[in-house]
Amino acid sequence: MPTTTSPSHPEPPPFLTMHTAIILLAAILIGLIAGTLTFLSGTLVPAAVLAGLTAAGLSIPVLRSLIG
C-alpha cells in the first residue's frame, strides 16, 4: 500500500538541493586534485592541505556562477 502525505503534513524540503550537492562535490574534487598536486610537487603536507582547502573554497563561487 503506497504511503501518501496528507495536505496538513507536507514533505519537508531536502537538506541539500541537487544544485548545491553538485557544486560541493565538484569543489571537493578540485580541492583534492589541487592538494595532491601541491604535495607531489614537493611541499609539506600542511601546505598541501592548505592549498587544497583554498582551492575548494575559491572554486565554490565560480562553480555556482557557471552551473547556476
N, C-alpha and C. Protein backbone atom coordinates (compact mmCIF):
# COMPACT_ATOMS: atom_id res chain seq x y z
N MET A 1 0.85 -1.17 0.00
CA MET A 1 0.00 0.00 0.00
C MET A 1 0.90 1.24 0.00
N PRO A 2 0.77 2.12 -0.97
CA PRO A 2 1.62 3.31 -1.01
C PRO A 2 1.26 4.29 0.09
N THR A 3 2.25 4.92 0.61
CA THR A 3 2.00 5.92 1.65
C THR A 3 1.82 7.28 0.99
N THR A 4 0.85 7.97 1.44
CA THR A 4 0.60 9.31 0.93
C THR A 4 0.68 10.29 2.08
N THR A 5 1.08 11.50 1.77
CA THR A 5 1.11 12.52 2.81
C THR A 5 -0.15 13.34 2.73
N SER A 6 -0.64 13.69 3.87
CA SER A 6 -1.86 14.48 3.90
C SER A 6 -1.51 15.94 3.65
N PRO A 7 -2.47 16.74 3.22
CA PRO A 7 -2.19 18.16 2.96
C PRO A 7 -1.71 18.91 4.20
N SER A 8 -2.09 18.44 5.38
CA SER A 8 -1.67 19.14 6.59
C SER A 8 -0.24 18.79 6.99
N HIS A 9 0.35 17.71 6.41
CA HIS A 9 1.71 17.30 6.72
C HIS A 9 2.51 17.14 5.43
N PRO A 10 2.90 18.26 4.82
CA PRO A 10 3.67 18.14 3.58
C PRO A 10 5.08 17.61 3.87
N GLU A 11 5.69 17.03 2.84
CA GLU A 11 7.05 16.52 3.00
C GLU A 11 8.01 17.68 3.22
N PRO A 12 8.99 17.48 4.10
CA PRO A 12 9.97 18.56 4.31
C PRO A 12 10.86 18.71 3.08
N PRO A 13 11.39 19.89 2.85
CA PRO A 13 12.27 20.07 1.70
C PRO A 13 13.57 19.30 1.92
N PRO A 14 14.29 18.97 0.87
CA PRO A 14 15.54 18.23 1.04
C PRO A 14 16.57 19.08 1.76
N PHE A 15 17.50 18.41 2.46
CA PHE A 15 18.55 19.10 3.20
C PHE A 15 19.44 19.89 2.25
N LEU A 16 19.83 19.27 1.15
CA LEU A 16 20.62 19.93 0.11
C LEU A 16 19.91 19.76 -1.22
N THR A 17 19.89 20.81 -1.99
CA THR A 17 19.34 20.67 -3.33
C THR A 17 20.36 19.97 -4.22
N MET A 18 19.92 19.51 -5.36
CA MET A 18 20.82 18.84 -6.30
C MET A 18 21.91 19.80 -6.77
N HIS A 19 21.55 21.04 -6.98
CA HIS A 19 22.49 22.06 -7.43
C HIS A 19 23.61 22.24 -6.39
N THR A 20 23.25 22.35 -5.13
CA THR A 20 24.24 22.52 -4.06
C THR A 20 25.13 21.29 -3.93
N ALA A 21 24.54 20.12 -4.02
CA ALA A 21 25.32 18.89 -3.89
C ALA A 21 26.34 18.76 -5.02
N ILE A 22 25.96 19.10 -6.23
CA ILE A 22 26.88 19.01 -7.37
C ILE A 22 28.02 20.01 -7.21
N ILE A 23 27.70 21.22 -6.77
CA ILE A 23 28.74 22.24 -6.58
C ILE A 23 29.71 21.83 -5.48
N LEU A 24 29.20 21.32 -4.37
CA LEU A 24 30.08 20.90 -3.28
C LEU A 24 30.94 19.70 -3.67
N LEU A 25 30.37 18.77 -4.40
CA LEU A 25 31.16 17.62 -4.87
C LEU A 25 32.26 18.05 -5.83
N ALA A 26 31.94 18.95 -6.73
CA ALA A 26 32.96 19.44 -7.66
C ALA A 26 34.04 20.23 -6.92
N ALA A 27 33.66 21.01 -5.94
CA ALA A 27 34.64 21.77 -5.16
C ALA A 27 35.56 20.85 -4.37
N ILE A 28 35.01 19.78 -3.81
CA ILE A 28 35.83 18.82 -3.08
C ILE A 28 36.80 18.13 -4.03
N LEU A 29 36.33 17.79 -5.21
CA LEU A 29 37.21 17.16 -6.20
C LEU A 29 38.34 18.11 -6.62
N ILE A 30 38.02 19.36 -6.85
CA ILE A 30 39.03 20.35 -7.21
C ILE A 30 40.03 20.52 -6.08
N GLY A 31 39.56 20.57 -4.85
CA GLY A 31 40.45 20.70 -3.70
C GLY A 31 41.36 19.50 -3.53
N LEU A 32 40.83 18.31 -3.74
CA LEU A 32 41.66 17.11 -3.65
C LEU A 32 42.74 17.08 -4.73
N ILE A 33 42.37 17.46 -5.93
CA ILE A 33 43.35 17.48 -7.02
C ILE A 33 44.42 18.53 -6.74
N ALA A 34 44.02 19.71 -6.32
CA ALA A 34 45.00 20.77 -6.04
C ALA A 34 45.92 20.39 -4.89
N GLY A 35 45.36 19.82 -3.83
CA GLY A 35 46.18 19.40 -2.70
C GLY A 35 47.14 18.29 -3.06
N THR A 36 46.67 17.33 -3.85
CA THR A 36 47.53 16.22 -4.27
C THR A 36 48.67 16.72 -5.16
N LEU A 37 48.35 17.57 -6.11
CA LEU A 37 49.40 18.10 -6.99
C LEU A 37 50.40 18.96 -6.21
N THR A 38 49.91 19.70 -5.23
CA THR A 38 50.81 20.50 -4.40
C THR A 38 51.73 19.60 -3.60
N PHE A 39 51.19 18.53 -3.04
CA PHE A 39 52.02 17.60 -2.27
C PHE A 39 53.04 16.91 -3.16
N LEU A 40 52.61 16.51 -4.35
CA LEU A 40 53.53 15.82 -5.26
C LEU A 40 54.62 16.74 -5.80
N SER A 41 54.42 18.04 -5.72
CA SER A 41 55.45 18.97 -6.18
C SER A 41 56.59 19.11 -5.16
N GLY A 42 56.42 18.53 -3.99
CA GLY A 42 57.50 18.51 -3.01
C GLY A 42 57.28 19.38 -1.79
N THR A 43 56.11 19.95 -1.61
CA THR A 43 55.86 20.77 -0.43
C THR A 43 55.43 19.89 0.74
N LEU A 44 55.39 20.47 1.91
CA LEU A 44 54.99 19.74 3.11
C LEU A 44 53.48 19.48 3.10
N VAL A 45 53.07 18.50 3.89
CA VAL A 45 51.66 18.11 3.95
C VAL A 45 50.76 19.27 4.41
N PRO A 46 51.12 20.01 5.48
CA PRO A 46 50.23 21.11 5.87
C PRO A 46 50.03 22.15 4.77
N ALA A 47 51.07 22.43 4.00
CA ALA A 47 50.94 23.39 2.90
C ALA A 47 50.05 22.82 1.81
N ALA A 48 50.14 21.53 1.55
CA ALA A 48 49.29 20.90 0.53
C ALA A 48 47.83 20.90 0.97
N VAL A 49 47.59 20.65 2.25
CA VAL A 49 46.21 20.69 2.76
C VAL A 49 45.65 22.10 2.66
N LEU A 50 46.47 23.08 3.01
CA LEU A 50 46.03 24.46 2.91
C LEU A 50 45.73 24.85 1.46
N ALA A 51 46.56 24.40 0.55
CA ALA A 51 46.32 24.69 -0.87
C ALA A 51 45.03 24.03 -1.36
N GLY A 52 44.78 22.80 -0.93
CA GLY A 52 43.55 22.11 -1.32
C GLY A 52 42.31 22.77 -0.76
N LEU A 53 42.37 23.18 0.51
CA LEU A 53 41.23 23.86 1.11
C LEU A 53 40.97 25.21 0.45
N THR A 54 42.04 25.91 0.13
CA THR A 54 41.89 27.19 -0.54
C THR A 54 41.28 27.02 -1.93
N ALA A 55 41.77 26.04 -2.66
CA ALA A 55 41.23 25.79 -4.00
C ALA A 55 39.76 25.40 -3.93
N ALA A 56 39.40 24.58 -2.97
CA ALA A 56 38.00 24.17 -2.84
C ALA A 56 37.12 25.36 -2.47
N GLY A 57 37.59 26.17 -1.54
CA GLY A 57 36.80 27.33 -1.12
C GLY A 57 36.63 28.37 -2.21
N LEU A 58 37.70 28.59 -2.96
CA LEU A 58 37.62 29.59 -4.02
C LEU A 58 36.85 29.10 -5.24
N SER A 59 36.74 27.80 -5.39
CA SER A 59 36.02 27.29 -6.56
C SER A 59 34.50 27.30 -6.38
N ILE A 60 34.03 27.39 -5.16
CA ILE A 60 32.57 27.35 -4.93
C ILE A 60 31.84 28.52 -5.60
N PRO A 61 32.26 29.77 -5.41
CA PRO A 61 31.53 30.85 -6.11
C PRO A 61 31.64 30.77 -7.63
N VAL A 62 32.79 30.32 -8.11
CA VAL A 62 32.97 30.19 -9.56
C VAL A 62 32.05 29.11 -10.11
N LEU A 63 32.01 27.97 -9.44
CA LEU A 63 31.15 26.87 -9.89
C LEU A 63 29.68 27.27 -9.79
N ARG A 64 29.34 28.02 -8.76
CA ARG A 64 27.95 28.46 -8.59
C ARG A 64 27.51 29.35 -9.75
N SER A 65 28.41 30.22 -10.20
CA SER A 65 28.03 31.10 -11.31
C SER A 65 28.05 30.34 -12.65
N LEU A 66 28.91 29.34 -12.78
CA LEU A 66 28.97 28.59 -14.03
C LEU A 66 27.82 27.59 -14.17
N ILE A 67 27.51 26.90 -13.09
CA ILE A 67 26.49 25.86 -13.14
C ILE A 67 25.10 26.46 -12.98
N GLY A 68 24.99 27.55 -12.27
CA GLY A 68 23.71 28.18 -11.97
C GLY A 68 22.93 28.52 -13.17
